[in-house]
Structure formats: C-alpha cells, structure tokens
N, C-alpha and C. Protein backbone atom coordinates (compact mmCIF):
# COMPACT_ATOMS: atom_id res chain seq x y z
N MET A 1 -50.55 -42.81 -14.44
CA MET A 1 -50.01 -44.23 -14.70
C MET A 1 -48.49 -44.20 -14.58
N SER A 2 -47.86 -44.96 -13.79
CA SER A 2 -46.43 -45.04 -13.84
C SER A 2 -45.98 -46.13 -14.94
N LEU A 3 -44.90 -45.74 -15.60
CA LEU A 3 -44.46 -46.67 -16.72
C LEU A 3 -42.94 -47.03 -16.45
N ASP A 4 -42.78 -48.26 -16.37
CA ASP A 4 -41.38 -48.85 -16.17
C ASP A 4 -41.11 -50.04 -17.12
N GLY A 5 -39.90 -50.49 -17.20
CA GLY A 5 -39.50 -51.67 -17.97
C GLY A 5 -40.22 -51.80 -19.41
N ASP A 6 -40.72 -53.08 -19.57
CA ASP A 6 -41.29 -53.38 -20.79
C ASP A 6 -42.53 -52.51 -21.12
N ALA A 7 -43.31 -52.08 -20.10
CA ALA A 7 -44.41 -51.33 -20.25
C ALA A 7 -44.04 -49.91 -20.87
N TRP A 8 -42.92 -49.28 -20.40
CA TRP A 8 -42.41 -48.07 -20.89
C TRP A 8 -41.89 -48.22 -22.33
N ARG A 9 -41.28 -49.38 -22.65
CA ARG A 9 -40.66 -49.57 -23.95
C ARG A 9 -41.88 -49.74 -24.94
N LYS A 10 -42.95 -50.47 -24.53
CA LYS A 10 -43.99 -50.68 -25.37
C LYS A 10 -44.78 -49.32 -25.69
N PHE A 11 -44.96 -48.53 -24.54
CA PHE A 11 -45.62 -47.36 -24.72
C PHE A 11 -44.80 -46.32 -25.66
N PHE A 12 -43.51 -46.31 -25.43
CA PHE A 12 -42.64 -45.45 -26.17
C PHE A 12 -42.70 -45.87 -27.63
N ASP A 13 -42.44 -47.11 -27.92
CA ASP A 13 -42.42 -47.56 -29.33
C ASP A 13 -43.76 -47.54 -29.98
N GLY A 14 -44.84 -47.29 -29.32
CA GLY A 14 -46.15 -47.20 -29.86
C GLY A 14 -46.56 -45.85 -30.50
N PHE A 15 -45.60 -44.86 -30.53
CA PHE A 15 -45.92 -43.62 -31.21
C PHE A 15 -46.02 -43.83 -32.62
N GLU A 16 -46.88 -43.04 -33.26
CA GLU A 16 -47.17 -43.23 -34.76
C GLU A 16 -46.58 -42.32 -35.65
N ARG A 17 -46.29 -41.03 -35.20
CA ARG A 17 -45.75 -40.06 -36.06
C ARG A 17 -44.53 -39.30 -35.40
N GLU A 18 -44.57 -38.99 -34.14
CA GLU A 18 -43.61 -38.07 -33.50
C GLU A 18 -43.43 -38.27 -32.05
N ALA A 19 -42.23 -38.29 -31.68
CA ALA A 19 -41.79 -38.38 -30.26
C ALA A 19 -40.90 -37.13 -30.01
N PHE A 20 -41.25 -36.42 -28.98
CA PHE A 20 -40.59 -35.19 -28.70
C PHE A 20 -40.18 -35.09 -27.14
N ARG A 21 -38.95 -34.83 -26.84
CA ARG A 21 -38.52 -34.72 -25.51
C ARG A 21 -38.02 -33.27 -25.16
N PHE A 22 -38.44 -32.95 -23.98
CA PHE A 22 -37.90 -31.65 -23.32
C PHE A 22 -37.08 -32.11 -22.09
N GLU A 23 -35.76 -31.78 -22.34
CA GLU A 23 -34.75 -32.28 -21.35
C GLU A 23 -34.12 -31.18 -20.64
N THR A 24 -34.18 -31.20 -19.32
CA THR A 24 -33.74 -29.99 -18.55
C THR A 24 -32.74 -30.29 -17.43
N GLN A 25 -32.54 -31.49 -17.01
CA GLN A 25 -31.72 -31.80 -15.92
C GLN A 25 -30.24 -31.39 -16.19
N PRO A 26 -29.47 -30.92 -15.28
CA PRO A 26 -28.11 -30.60 -15.43
C PRO A 26 -27.25 -31.83 -15.54
N LYS A 27 -27.72 -32.96 -15.00
CA LYS A 27 -27.05 -34.20 -15.14
C LYS A 27 -28.03 -35.34 -14.87
N TYR A 28 -27.68 -36.51 -15.56
CA TYR A 28 -28.56 -37.72 -15.39
C TYR A 28 -27.62 -38.78 -14.90
N THR A 29 -28.08 -39.36 -13.79
CA THR A 29 -27.26 -40.40 -13.20
C THR A 29 -27.95 -41.72 -13.58
N MET A 30 -27.28 -42.38 -14.58
CA MET A 30 -27.90 -43.60 -15.26
C MET A 30 -26.82 -44.72 -15.11
N PRO A 31 -27.16 -45.79 -14.41
CA PRO A 31 -26.20 -46.89 -14.31
C PRO A 31 -25.61 -47.29 -15.58
N ASN A 32 -26.28 -47.44 -16.70
CA ASN A 32 -25.79 -47.81 -17.96
C ASN A 32 -24.86 -46.80 -18.56
N GLU A 33 -24.79 -45.58 -18.16
CA GLU A 33 -23.86 -44.60 -18.70
C GLU A 33 -22.60 -44.39 -17.74
N ALA A 34 -22.61 -45.01 -16.57
CA ALA A 34 -21.60 -44.64 -15.64
C ALA A 34 -20.13 -44.97 -16.14
N ALA A 35 -19.90 -46.01 -16.81
CA ALA A 35 -18.61 -46.47 -17.26
C ALA A 35 -18.22 -45.49 -18.42
N SER A 36 -19.13 -45.25 -19.30
CA SER A 36 -18.76 -44.32 -20.54
C SER A 36 -18.55 -42.90 -19.98
N LEU A 37 -19.25 -42.36 -19.04
CA LEU A 37 -18.96 -41.15 -18.44
C LEU A 37 -17.64 -41.01 -17.85
N ALA A 38 -17.29 -42.11 -17.05
CA ALA A 38 -15.83 -42.14 -16.43
C ALA A 38 -14.86 -42.12 -17.53
N THR A 39 -15.05 -42.85 -18.61
CA THR A 39 -14.16 -42.90 -19.73
C THR A 39 -13.91 -41.54 -20.32
N PHE A 40 -15.05 -40.82 -20.53
CA PHE A 40 -14.90 -39.51 -21.14
C PHE A 40 -14.24 -38.57 -20.17
N LEU A 41 -14.51 -38.57 -18.84
CA LEU A 41 -13.89 -37.70 -17.90
C LEU A 41 -12.40 -38.02 -17.80
N ARG A 42 -11.98 -39.25 -18.07
CA ARG A 42 -10.56 -39.51 -18.04
C ARG A 42 -9.84 -38.97 -19.35
N GLY A 43 -10.65 -38.57 -20.34
CA GLY A 43 -10.04 -38.09 -21.55
C GLY A 43 -9.77 -39.29 -22.47
N ASP A 44 -10.18 -40.42 -22.21
CA ASP A 44 -9.99 -41.55 -23.23
C ASP A 44 -10.91 -41.41 -24.34
N PRO A 45 -10.57 -42.12 -25.54
CA PRO A 45 -11.37 -42.04 -26.74
C PRO A 45 -12.69 -42.62 -26.54
N LYS A 46 -13.66 -42.14 -27.38
CA LYS A 46 -15.03 -42.61 -27.37
C LYS A 46 -15.06 -43.99 -27.98
N PRO A 47 -15.68 -45.01 -27.35
CA PRO A 47 -15.81 -46.41 -27.93
C PRO A 47 -16.64 -46.28 -29.19
N HIS A 48 -16.25 -47.01 -30.25
CA HIS A 48 -17.00 -46.99 -31.52
C HIS A 48 -18.45 -47.36 -31.41
N ASP A 49 -18.81 -48.15 -30.37
CA ASP A 49 -20.17 -48.49 -30.30
C ASP A 49 -20.97 -47.74 -29.32
N HIS A 50 -20.40 -46.52 -29.01
CA HIS A 50 -21.11 -45.78 -27.90
C HIS A 50 -22.47 -45.44 -28.29
N ASN A 51 -23.46 -45.73 -27.40
CA ASN A 51 -24.98 -45.50 -27.58
C ASN A 51 -25.55 -46.19 -28.72
N SER A 52 -24.92 -47.24 -29.25
CA SER A 52 -25.36 -47.91 -30.49
C SER A 52 -26.83 -48.41 -30.40
N ARG A 53 -27.26 -48.92 -29.32
CA ARG A 53 -28.60 -49.47 -29.12
C ARG A 53 -29.66 -48.30 -29.43
N TRP A 54 -29.38 -47.19 -28.91
CA TRP A 54 -30.32 -45.98 -29.08
C TRP A 54 -30.21 -45.62 -30.63
N HIS A 55 -29.11 -45.59 -31.22
CA HIS A 55 -28.93 -45.22 -32.62
C HIS A 55 -29.80 -46.13 -33.49
N GLU A 56 -29.73 -47.42 -33.18
CA GLU A 56 -30.46 -48.42 -33.86
C GLU A 56 -32.01 -48.12 -33.80
N ARG A 57 -32.41 -47.82 -32.66
CA ARG A 57 -33.84 -47.44 -32.48
C ARG A 57 -34.22 -46.24 -33.31
N VAL A 58 -33.38 -45.17 -33.18
CA VAL A 58 -33.67 -44.00 -33.87
C VAL A 58 -33.68 -44.18 -35.39
N ARG A 59 -32.76 -44.92 -35.91
CA ARG A 59 -32.75 -45.23 -37.36
C ARG A 59 -33.97 -46.00 -37.72
N ALA A 60 -34.42 -46.92 -36.93
CA ALA A 60 -35.68 -47.66 -37.16
C ALA A 60 -36.91 -46.79 -37.19
N TYR A 61 -37.03 -45.92 -36.32
CA TYR A 61 -38.13 -44.90 -36.27
C TYR A 61 -38.22 -44.08 -37.52
N ARG A 62 -36.97 -43.57 -37.87
CA ARG A 62 -36.86 -42.70 -39.06
C ARG A 62 -37.17 -43.47 -40.37
N GLU A 63 -36.65 -44.71 -40.48
CA GLU A 63 -36.95 -45.57 -41.62
C GLU A 63 -38.47 -45.89 -41.82
N ALA A 64 -39.20 -45.89 -40.66
CA ALA A 64 -40.59 -46.08 -40.53
C ALA A 64 -41.38 -44.79 -40.87
N GLY A 65 -40.70 -43.70 -41.11
CA GLY A 65 -41.27 -42.44 -41.47
C GLY A 65 -41.68 -41.67 -40.20
N LYS A 66 -41.13 -41.96 -39.03
CA LYS A 66 -41.38 -41.34 -37.79
C LYS A 66 -40.32 -40.19 -37.48
N TRP A 67 -40.84 -39.21 -36.79
CA TRP A 67 -39.84 -38.17 -36.44
C TRP A 67 -39.52 -38.33 -34.87
N ILE A 68 -38.37 -38.13 -34.46
CA ILE A 68 -37.97 -38.17 -33.08
C ILE A 68 -36.99 -37.03 -32.82
N GLY A 69 -37.19 -36.36 -31.73
CA GLY A 69 -36.35 -35.21 -31.42
C GLY A 69 -36.39 -34.71 -30.02
N ARG A 70 -35.59 -33.74 -29.68
CA ARG A 70 -35.61 -33.16 -28.34
C ARG A 70 -35.05 -31.75 -28.32
N VAL A 71 -35.37 -31.04 -27.37
CA VAL A 71 -34.80 -29.83 -26.96
C VAL A 71 -33.97 -30.08 -25.67
N ARG A 72 -32.64 -29.81 -25.71
CA ARG A 72 -31.80 -29.89 -24.48
C ARG A 72 -31.52 -28.57 -23.97
N VAL A 73 -31.96 -28.30 -22.78
CA VAL A 73 -31.73 -27.02 -22.16
C VAL A 73 -30.40 -27.15 -21.25
N VAL A 74 -29.66 -26.01 -21.55
CA VAL A 74 -28.33 -25.93 -20.78
C VAL A 74 -28.19 -24.54 -20.28
N ARG A 75 -27.37 -24.43 -19.28
CA ARG A 75 -26.79 -23.24 -18.71
C ARG A 75 -25.36 -23.28 -18.48
N GLU A 76 -24.62 -22.24 -18.67
CA GLU A 76 -23.24 -22.37 -18.39
C GLU A 76 -22.88 -21.93 -16.95
N PRO A 77 -22.03 -22.47 -16.33
CA PRO A 77 -21.02 -23.43 -16.86
C PRO A 77 -21.62 -24.80 -17.04
N LEU A 78 -21.31 -25.48 -18.09
CA LEU A 78 -21.73 -26.77 -18.35
C LEU A 78 -21.34 -27.77 -17.28
N THR A 79 -22.23 -28.77 -16.97
CA THR A 79 -21.79 -29.76 -15.99
C THR A 79 -20.94 -30.77 -16.76
N ASP A 80 -20.27 -31.68 -15.94
CA ASP A 80 -19.49 -32.78 -16.67
C ASP A 80 -20.45 -33.54 -17.48
N TYR A 81 -21.64 -33.86 -17.07
CA TYR A 81 -22.57 -34.63 -17.77
C TYR A 81 -22.99 -33.96 -19.11
N GLN A 82 -23.20 -32.63 -19.04
CA GLN A 82 -23.49 -31.97 -20.21
C GLN A 82 -22.45 -31.95 -21.27
N ARG A 83 -21.23 -31.72 -20.78
CA ARG A 83 -20.08 -31.89 -21.69
C ARG A 83 -19.97 -33.22 -22.36
N TYR A 84 -20.10 -34.30 -21.56
CA TYR A 84 -20.19 -35.61 -22.11
C TYR A 84 -21.31 -35.79 -23.13
N GLN A 85 -22.46 -35.30 -22.84
CA GLN A 85 -23.62 -35.43 -23.67
C GLN A 85 -23.39 -34.71 -25.07
N LEU A 86 -22.89 -33.53 -24.90
CA LEU A 86 -22.59 -32.72 -26.13
C LEU A 86 -21.48 -33.18 -26.91
N ALA A 87 -20.51 -33.82 -26.30
CA ALA A 87 -19.34 -34.34 -27.02
C ALA A 87 -19.54 -35.75 -27.57
N TRP A 88 -20.09 -36.71 -26.76
CA TRP A 88 -20.24 -38.04 -27.09
C TRP A 88 -21.57 -38.52 -27.48
N GLY A 89 -22.64 -37.99 -26.77
CA GLY A 89 -24.04 -38.57 -26.97
C GLY A 89 -24.72 -37.88 -28.25
N ILE A 90 -24.87 -36.55 -28.14
CA ILE A 90 -25.68 -35.78 -29.09
C ILE A 90 -25.16 -36.01 -30.64
N PRO A 91 -23.93 -35.90 -30.88
CA PRO A 91 -23.49 -36.05 -32.32
C PRO A 91 -23.87 -37.31 -32.91
N GLY A 92 -23.81 -38.51 -32.26
CA GLY A 92 -24.15 -39.69 -32.70
C GLY A 92 -25.65 -39.90 -32.91
N ASN A 93 -26.39 -39.25 -31.93
CA ASN A 93 -27.87 -39.31 -32.00
C ASN A 93 -28.34 -38.53 -33.26
N VAL A 94 -27.66 -37.35 -33.55
CA VAL A 94 -28.00 -36.58 -34.70
C VAL A 94 -27.73 -37.40 -35.99
N GLU A 95 -26.48 -37.96 -35.94
CA GLU A 95 -26.10 -38.78 -37.15
C GLU A 95 -27.10 -39.92 -37.42
N ALA A 96 -27.67 -40.49 -36.38
CA ALA A 96 -28.63 -41.51 -36.52
C ALA A 96 -30.06 -41.03 -36.99
N GLY A 97 -30.28 -39.81 -36.90
CA GLY A 97 -31.52 -39.19 -37.43
C GLY A 97 -32.37 -38.44 -36.39
N GLU A 98 -31.97 -38.33 -35.16
CA GLU A 98 -32.71 -37.56 -34.19
C GLU A 98 -32.47 -36.08 -34.29
N ASP A 99 -33.57 -35.34 -34.24
CA ASP A 99 -33.45 -33.79 -34.45
C ASP A 99 -33.29 -33.27 -32.98
N ILE A 100 -32.19 -32.61 -32.71
CA ILE A 100 -31.81 -32.25 -31.46
C ILE A 100 -31.47 -30.65 -31.54
N ARG A 101 -32.02 -29.99 -30.59
CA ARG A 101 -31.76 -28.55 -30.41
C ARG A 101 -31.39 -28.25 -29.13
N ILE A 102 -30.34 -27.42 -28.96
CA ILE A 102 -29.77 -27.09 -27.71
C ILE A 102 -30.18 -25.62 -27.35
N LEU A 103 -30.94 -25.55 -26.21
CA LEU A 103 -31.38 -24.26 -25.79
C LEU A 103 -30.60 -23.76 -24.70
N ASP A 104 -29.81 -22.72 -24.90
CA ASP A 104 -28.99 -22.06 -23.98
C ASP A 104 -29.74 -20.98 -23.14
N LEU A 105 -29.99 -21.26 -21.93
CA LEU A 105 -30.73 -20.27 -21.03
C LEU A 105 -29.82 -19.62 -20.10
N THR A 106 -28.49 -19.56 -20.34
CA THR A 106 -27.54 -18.98 -19.45
C THR A 106 -27.82 -17.53 -19.14
N LYS A 107 -28.25 -16.74 -20.27
CA LYS A 107 -28.39 -15.32 -20.09
C LYS A 107 -29.88 -14.83 -20.26
N THR A 108 -30.79 -15.85 -20.30
CA THR A 108 -32.21 -15.47 -20.52
C THR A 108 -33.11 -16.53 -19.94
N GLU A 109 -34.26 -16.17 -19.64
CA GLU A 109 -35.41 -17.05 -19.29
C GLU A 109 -36.49 -16.91 -20.26
N LEU A 110 -37.12 -17.98 -20.69
CA LEU A 110 -38.25 -17.86 -21.53
C LEU A 110 -39.58 -18.28 -21.00
N GLY A 111 -39.54 -18.52 -19.69
CA GLY A 111 -40.81 -18.93 -19.16
C GLY A 111 -41.17 -20.40 -19.31
N LEU A 112 -40.09 -21.18 -19.68
CA LEU A 112 -40.30 -22.52 -19.95
C LEU A 112 -40.21 -23.34 -18.64
N PRO A 113 -40.82 -24.54 -18.68
CA PRO A 113 -40.73 -25.44 -17.43
C PRO A 113 -39.34 -25.95 -17.13
N THR A 114 -38.50 -25.41 -16.46
CA THR A 114 -37.21 -25.94 -16.19
C THR A 114 -37.38 -26.82 -14.89
N GLY A 115 -36.61 -27.94 -14.96
CA GLY A 115 -36.70 -28.90 -13.88
C GLY A 115 -37.57 -30.02 -14.11
N GLN A 116 -38.53 -30.02 -15.06
CA GLN A 116 -39.44 -31.03 -15.45
C GLN A 116 -39.13 -31.60 -16.78
N ASP A 117 -38.72 -32.71 -16.92
CA ASP A 117 -38.42 -33.39 -18.17
C ASP A 117 -39.76 -34.04 -18.68
N TRP A 118 -40.00 -34.15 -19.89
CA TRP A 118 -41.15 -34.85 -20.40
C TRP A 118 -40.94 -35.27 -21.87
N TRP A 119 -41.65 -36.28 -22.18
CA TRP A 119 -41.82 -36.85 -23.62
C TRP A 119 -43.22 -36.56 -24.02
N MET A 120 -43.43 -36.17 -25.26
CA MET A 120 -44.65 -35.94 -25.90
C MET A 120 -44.72 -36.77 -27.07
N PHE A 121 -45.78 -37.62 -27.23
CA PHE A 121 -45.96 -38.59 -28.31
C PHE A 121 -47.19 -38.17 -29.11
N ASP A 122 -46.88 -37.94 -30.43
CA ASP A 122 -48.04 -37.63 -31.33
C ASP A 122 -48.95 -36.39 -30.90
N GLU A 123 -48.37 -35.60 -30.12
CA GLU A 123 -49.11 -34.36 -29.63
C GLU A 123 -50.39 -34.82 -28.90
N ALA A 124 -50.42 -36.17 -28.42
CA ALA A 124 -51.62 -36.69 -27.74
C ALA A 124 -51.38 -37.29 -26.42
N ARG A 125 -50.08 -37.67 -26.10
CA ARG A 125 -49.70 -38.34 -24.85
C ARG A 125 -48.45 -37.71 -24.30
N VAL A 126 -48.47 -37.44 -22.98
CA VAL A 126 -47.33 -36.78 -22.32
C VAL A 126 -46.96 -37.77 -21.11
N VAL A 127 -45.65 -37.96 -21.03
CA VAL A 127 -45.04 -38.59 -19.84
C VAL A 127 -44.06 -37.80 -19.20
N HIS A 128 -44.29 -37.47 -17.88
CA HIS A 128 -43.29 -36.76 -17.12
C HIS A 128 -42.23 -37.69 -16.68
N LEU A 129 -40.98 -37.25 -16.78
CA LEU A 129 -39.88 -38.04 -16.20
C LEU A 129 -39.43 -37.17 -14.92
N ASN A 130 -39.44 -37.84 -13.83
CA ASN A 130 -39.20 -37.24 -12.55
C ASN A 130 -37.85 -37.70 -12.07
N TYR A 131 -37.05 -36.66 -11.55
CA TYR A 131 -35.64 -36.96 -11.13
C TYR A 131 -35.42 -36.40 -9.69
N ARG A 132 -34.44 -37.00 -9.01
CA ARG A 132 -33.97 -36.51 -7.83
C ARG A 132 -32.88 -35.36 -8.17
N SER A 133 -32.43 -34.64 -7.20
CA SER A 133 -31.47 -33.57 -7.46
C SER A 133 -30.22 -34.17 -7.97
N ASP A 134 -29.86 -35.42 -7.68
CA ASP A 134 -28.54 -36.01 -8.13
C ASP A 134 -28.66 -36.51 -9.57
N GLY A 135 -29.77 -36.37 -10.22
CA GLY A 135 -30.05 -36.86 -11.51
C GLY A 135 -30.49 -38.25 -11.71
N THR A 136 -30.84 -38.98 -10.50
CA THR A 136 -31.39 -40.33 -10.62
C THR A 136 -32.86 -40.21 -10.89
N GLN A 137 -33.24 -41.01 -11.87
CA GLN A 137 -34.68 -40.96 -12.20
C GLN A 137 -35.53 -41.71 -11.08
N ILE A 138 -36.63 -40.95 -10.74
CA ILE A 138 -37.60 -41.47 -9.67
C ILE A 138 -38.61 -42.34 -10.43
N ASP A 139 -39.28 -41.82 -11.51
CA ASP A 139 -40.20 -42.53 -12.18
C ASP A 139 -40.64 -41.84 -13.50
N ARG A 140 -41.52 -42.44 -14.32
CA ARG A 140 -42.10 -41.86 -15.48
C ARG A 140 -43.58 -42.03 -15.28
N VAL A 141 -44.30 -40.92 -15.44
CA VAL A 141 -45.73 -40.90 -15.19
C VAL A 141 -46.50 -40.35 -16.41
N ARG A 142 -47.40 -41.06 -16.91
CA ARG A 142 -48.31 -40.61 -17.89
C ARG A 142 -49.25 -39.61 -17.28
N THR A 143 -49.32 -38.40 -17.91
CA THR A 143 -50.03 -37.31 -17.30
C THR A 143 -51.57 -37.23 -17.66
N GLY A 144 -51.98 -38.10 -18.62
CA GLY A 144 -53.39 -38.12 -19.08
C GLY A 144 -53.51 -38.46 -20.51
N VAL A 145 -54.64 -38.62 -20.91
CA VAL A 145 -54.83 -38.94 -22.37
C VAL A 145 -54.60 -37.79 -23.34
N GLY A 146 -55.17 -36.62 -23.02
CA GLY A 146 -55.02 -35.50 -23.80
C GLY A 146 -53.78 -34.67 -23.39
N ILE A 147 -53.33 -33.79 -24.33
CA ILE A 147 -52.17 -32.99 -24.06
C ILE A 147 -52.65 -31.59 -23.86
N PRO A 148 -52.22 -30.92 -22.67
CA PRO A 148 -52.72 -29.58 -22.42
C PRO A 148 -52.17 -28.60 -23.54
N GLU A 149 -52.99 -27.56 -23.73
CA GLU A 149 -52.69 -26.53 -24.69
C GLU A 149 -51.30 -25.94 -24.42
N GLU A 150 -50.98 -25.80 -23.15
CA GLU A 150 -49.75 -25.10 -22.62
C GLU A 150 -48.53 -25.86 -23.31
N ARG A 151 -48.62 -27.24 -23.19
CA ARG A 151 -47.51 -28.05 -23.76
C ARG A 151 -47.35 -27.83 -25.27
N LYS A 152 -48.54 -27.79 -25.96
CA LYS A 152 -48.48 -27.55 -27.43
C LYS A 152 -47.80 -26.15 -27.80
N ARG A 153 -48.17 -25.13 -26.98
CA ARG A 153 -47.59 -23.84 -27.18
C ARG A 153 -46.08 -23.82 -26.94
N ARG A 154 -45.74 -24.49 -25.89
CA ARG A 154 -44.26 -24.43 -25.59
C ARG A 154 -43.43 -25.20 -26.70
N ARG A 155 -44.01 -26.25 -27.19
CA ARG A 155 -43.33 -27.02 -28.24
C ARG A 155 -43.29 -26.11 -29.50
N ARG A 156 -44.30 -25.49 -29.86
CA ARG A 156 -44.39 -24.59 -31.13
C ARG A 156 -43.28 -23.48 -30.95
N VAL A 157 -43.20 -22.84 -29.75
CA VAL A 157 -42.24 -21.90 -29.46
C VAL A 157 -40.89 -22.39 -29.70
N LEU A 158 -40.54 -23.55 -29.21
CA LEU A 158 -39.17 -24.15 -29.30
C LEU A 158 -38.82 -24.51 -30.77
N HIS A 159 -39.79 -24.82 -31.60
CA HIS A 159 -39.62 -25.21 -33.02
C HIS A 159 -39.74 -23.97 -33.99
N SER A 160 -40.13 -22.85 -33.45
CA SER A 160 -40.38 -21.74 -34.37
C SER A 160 -39.04 -21.02 -34.62
N ARG A 161 -39.09 -19.92 -35.51
CA ARG A 161 -37.92 -19.18 -35.82
C ARG A 161 -37.86 -17.91 -34.92
N HIS A 162 -38.56 -17.95 -33.88
CA HIS A 162 -38.54 -16.87 -32.88
C HIS A 162 -37.15 -16.55 -32.40
N HIS A 163 -36.38 -17.57 -32.32
CA HIS A 163 -34.94 -17.48 -31.87
C HIS A 163 -34.01 -17.55 -33.00
N ARG A 164 -32.91 -16.87 -32.87
CA ARG A 164 -31.92 -17.03 -33.98
C ARG A 164 -31.31 -18.36 -33.77
N THR A 165 -31.03 -19.02 -34.85
CA THR A 165 -30.40 -20.37 -34.72
C THR A 165 -29.15 -20.33 -35.44
N THR A 166 -28.17 -21.07 -34.83
CA THR A 166 -26.87 -21.17 -35.40
C THR A 166 -26.46 -22.64 -35.42
N GLU A 167 -25.75 -23.10 -36.37
CA GLU A 167 -25.21 -24.45 -36.27
C GLU A 167 -23.75 -24.45 -35.84
N PRO A 168 -23.55 -25.23 -34.70
CA PRO A 168 -22.22 -25.38 -34.27
C PRO A 168 -21.26 -25.87 -35.24
N PRO A 169 -20.00 -25.52 -35.35
CA PRO A 169 -19.10 -26.08 -36.38
C PRO A 169 -19.01 -27.61 -36.29
N GLY A 170 -19.01 -28.25 -37.49
CA GLY A 170 -18.77 -29.66 -37.47
C GLY A 170 -19.97 -30.48 -37.04
N ARG A 171 -21.18 -29.93 -36.88
CA ARG A 171 -22.33 -30.69 -36.49
C ARG A 171 -23.28 -30.85 -37.69
N GLY A 172 -24.10 -31.72 -37.62
CA GLY A 172 -25.15 -32.02 -38.63
C GLY A 172 -26.21 -30.97 -38.57
N SER A 173 -27.02 -30.95 -39.63
CA SER A 173 -28.03 -29.94 -39.72
C SER A 173 -29.10 -30.03 -38.82
N ARG A 174 -29.35 -31.14 -38.14
CA ARG A 174 -30.38 -31.46 -37.23
C ARG A 174 -30.08 -30.94 -35.79
N LEU A 175 -28.79 -30.40 -35.54
CA LEU A 175 -28.40 -29.94 -34.27
C LEU A 175 -28.33 -28.38 -34.40
N LEU A 176 -29.18 -27.72 -33.59
CA LEU A 176 -29.22 -26.27 -33.60
C LEU A 176 -29.10 -25.71 -32.28
N VAL A 177 -28.35 -24.64 -32.08
CA VAL A 177 -28.29 -23.94 -30.76
C VAL A 177 -29.20 -22.80 -30.92
N LEU A 178 -30.18 -22.78 -30.00
CA LEU A 178 -31.23 -21.79 -29.97
C LEU A 178 -30.80 -20.70 -29.03
N ARG A 179 -30.82 -19.48 -29.54
CA ARG A 179 -30.47 -18.22 -28.63
C ARG A 179 -31.40 -17.15 -28.84
N GLN A 180 -31.51 -16.19 -27.88
CA GLN A 180 -32.24 -14.97 -28.13
C GLN A 180 -31.59 -14.16 -29.20
N PRO A 181 -32.37 -13.39 -29.98
CA PRO A 181 -31.83 -12.61 -31.01
C PRO A 181 -30.85 -11.56 -30.48
N ASP A 182 -30.82 -11.18 -29.30
CA ASP A 182 -29.76 -10.17 -28.90
C ASP A 182 -28.58 -10.86 -28.22
N SER A 183 -28.37 -12.15 -28.57
CA SER A 183 -27.28 -12.85 -27.86
C SER A 183 -25.91 -12.22 -28.23
N SER A 184 -25.01 -12.27 -27.38
CA SER A 184 -23.64 -11.62 -27.56
C SER A 184 -22.86 -12.36 -28.50
N GLY A 185 -23.18 -13.55 -28.95
CA GLY A 185 -22.46 -14.42 -29.81
C GLY A 185 -21.63 -15.48 -29.18
N HIS A 186 -21.68 -15.57 -27.75
CA HIS A 186 -21.01 -16.53 -27.03
C HIS A 186 -21.47 -17.90 -27.51
N GLU A 187 -20.62 -18.82 -27.85
CA GLU A 187 -20.91 -20.07 -28.32
C GLU A 187 -20.74 -21.29 -27.25
N LEU A 188 -21.48 -22.25 -27.29
CA LEU A 188 -21.27 -23.46 -26.50
C LEU A 188 -20.25 -24.36 -27.10
N PHE A 189 -20.18 -24.34 -28.42
CA PHE A 189 -19.26 -25.24 -29.09
C PHE A 189 -18.19 -24.40 -29.77
N GLY A 190 -16.99 -24.99 -29.56
CA GLY A 190 -15.80 -24.21 -30.18
C GLY A 190 -14.80 -25.09 -30.74
C-alpha cells in the first residue's frame, strides 16, 4: 500500500509506542529543504525556526510518552547534505527529544541494508521509503502487517552495545556515533 499526503501523516501519527527510522541515503532532495540547504552552503547563520514543525511533532510524541528515533548511516567523505543534516538538522531534533544515532560505515560493513530507508512503527508495521539516485523520494510503501524477523534483528543490533559508542563534543546524550570496536579514533565531529 502506497502512503502519501494526509494518509501518510495519519499512518505515521498512529504509532502507539515507538517510531524508528533507518536512514541511508547520501542526500535527500526535498523541496521544503532547498532554501535552508542553500543558506547553509553559503555559510549563512541557521534560522532560529529551522525545522520547528518537526520539533513540535517530536516534542508532542515525547510528551505523550512515545519514543522516536533513527539511525543515520554515513560514509566519508560526507556529502553537502550530510554536513547540513549533522550541523543544522540533527542537533535540533535531538534537543526536541529524538534519539539519533550516527552509524559511520566508512571503514566497515555490517551487512545492513544500505540504500533502503524505512520506518518501523511499534515493531509491527514497516514502511519502505524509496528514492531515486538524486535523493528525490519516489514513494512510501507499507510492506505488510507483520514485521520480518530480519528487521527486528537489525534494529536490536543497532541499539545494542556491540559497537563502541562515543558522544561527539557539544551534543546531547541522545546523539551517539556508532563505530566498530577497532576504530582508529577518526571522528565525524570536531
């Protein structure tokens, strides 16, 4: 089932306990972000209300006792979009209450599904987010009523202590950089 517009918003807001996103694209080409991305790339200051509508939604979910989070996969060199997301998007999302983990796969592969973004709601509903190579979203497709065991395992691995975690300087406690235990210490944030 394809989900767009109001149907997507209703489906998304209908989660009862937990919404989890696995985010893999090197860039997202979203019309509502074009102006702020251009502002960032010019080196101008971040607007005070940047991403405020999403922050309001996150705060409302958290106030209702719901958990919302994501794992953001990156590889170096970071794209302009990833630099924008890490500098302007993610810190405000974390401050609003979203649990965000950055998974650096520059020097390692973990057998995770790269190239396929998805949301998982209440460990019971999965929606695939499909993108073109330029980062433009094609569609959102509900994959079925139940969640495959494979998705549950991947989520558990990402939230486990199997990886060494470090907090980037100046970031909130909900933002973690996940690395393999033998990492050379190279940091995404400096």
